[in-house]
């Protein structure tokens, strides 16, 4: 995967979802971004943040994520891979 695209995905996620710097301690591109409720480390984002994420993807890339695919967007790497699968590489 293109490192520049991964960086762009990460930076857009952080800025559009207003993730606080404290929450980013230990954050990697594989960190789960949504609160799963099972005790695994995550950024604690919720369903409203998921809606904002889908809106961000549409605004930046012109791609409308189907509702059934939102669960695939669980980390920066997963988001970038999903977008690549849809033919979005920049």
Protein backbone atom coordinates (compact mmCIF):
# COMPACT_ATOMS: atom_id res chain seq x y z
CA UNK A 1 0.00 0.00 0.00
CA UNK A 2 1.19 3.50 -0.78
CA UNK A 3 2.68 5.11 2.36
CA UNK A 4 1.54 8.59 1.29
CA UNK A 5 -2.05 7.34 1.01
CA UNK A 6 -1.83 5.70 4.42
CA UNK A 7 -0.49 8.94 5.94
CA UNK A 8 -3.27 10.94 4.27
CA UNK A 9 -5.88 8.51 5.61
CA UNK A 10 -4.45 8.73 9.14
CA UNK A 11 -4.20 12.53 9.16
CA UNK A 12 -7.72 12.97 7.78
CA UNK A 13 -9.14 10.57 10.34
CA UNK A 14 -7.50 12.40 13.23
CA UNK A 15 -8.46 15.87 12.04
CA UNK A 16 -12.03 15.15 10.88
CA UNK A 17 -13.00 13.18 13.96
CA UNK A 18 -11.33 15.61 16.39
CA UNK A 19 -9.42 12.86 18.15
CA UNK A 20 -7.69 14.26 21.21
CA UNK A 21 -3.91 14.01 21.49
CA UNK A 22 -4.17 12.05 24.76
CA UNK A 23 -6.14 9.34 22.98
CA UNK A 24 -3.35 9.00 20.41
CA UNK A 25 -0.79 7.78 22.96
CA UNK A 26 0.21 4.34 21.69
CA UNK A 27 -1.92 4.79 18.56
CA UNK A 28 -0.80 2.78 15.55
CA UNK A 29 -2.36 2.27 12.16
CA UNK A 30 -3.72 -1.05 13.46
CA UNK A 31 -5.36 0.42 16.59
CA UNK A 32 -9.10 -0.27 16.65
CA UNK A 33 -10.81 3.10 16.35
CA UNK A 34 -14.27 2.18 17.67
CA UNK A 35 -15.18 1.16 21.20
CA UNK A 36 -15.87 -2.55 20.94
CA UNK A 37 -16.90 -2.97 24.57
CA UNK A 38 -14.70 -6.04 24.98
CA UNK A 39 -11.76 -4.40 26.75
CA UNK A 40 -9.46 -4.32 23.74
CA UNK A 41 -7.48 -1.07 23.40
CA UNK A 42 -9.24 1.37 21.08
CA UNK A 43 -9.78 5.07 20.46
CA UNK A 44 -13.31 4.92 21.86
CA UNK A 45 -15.14 6.31 18.84
CA UNK A 46 -18.89 5.69 18.68
CA UNK A 47 -21.68 5.37 16.09
CA UNK A 48 -21.83 9.14 15.53
CA UNK A 49 -18.12 9.07 14.75
CA UNK A 50 -18.78 6.23 12.29
CA UNK A 51 -21.25 8.48 10.50
CA UNK A 52 -18.67 11.27 10.43
CA UNK A 53 -16.10 8.81 9.04
CA UNK A 54 -18.42 7.78 6.20
CA UNK A 55 -19.16 11.47 5.48
CA UNK A 56 -15.41 12.24 5.48
CA UNK A 57 -14.77 9.45 2.96
CA UNK A 58 -17.53 10.76 0.71
CA UNK A 59 -16.28 14.36 0.92
CA UNK A 60 -12.62 13.48 0.33
CA UNK A 61 -12.93 10.66 -2.18
CA UNK A 62 -16.45 10.90 -3.59
CA UNK A 63 -17.20 7.35 -2.48
CA UNK A 64 -20.37 6.47 -0.59
CA UNK A 65 -19.63 3.61 1.81
CA UNK A 66 -22.56 1.16 1.93
CA UNK A 67 -23.97 0.66 5.44
CA UNK A 68 -23.00 -3.01 5.42
CA UNK A 69 -19.33 -2.07 4.85
CA UNK A 70 -18.94 0.35 7.77
CA UNK A 71 -17.84 -2.50 10.05
CA UNK A 72 -14.84 -3.00 7.76
CA UNK A 73 -13.52 0.46 8.69
CA UNK A 74 -12.07 -0.47 12.09
CA UNK A 75 -8.50 0.93 11.87
CA UNK A 76 -6.41 3.24 9.71
CA UNK A 77 -4.94 0.25 7.87
CA UNK A 78 -8.39 -1.26 7.37
CA UNK A 79 -9.79 2.03 6.05
CA UNK A 80 -6.91 2.50 3.62
CA UNK A 81 -7.14 -1.14 2.45
CA UNK A 82 -10.91 -0.83 1.98
CA UNK A 83 -10.51 2.34 -0.07
CA UNK A 84 -7.79 0.65 -2.17
CA UNK A 85 -10.18 -2.24 -2.83
CA UNK A 86 -12.67 0.31 -4.13
CA UNK A 87 -10.04 1.67 -6.54
CA UNK A 88 -9.20 4.74 -4.43
CA UNK A 89 -5.43 5.05 -4.14
CA UNK A 90 -4.78 8.78 -3.73
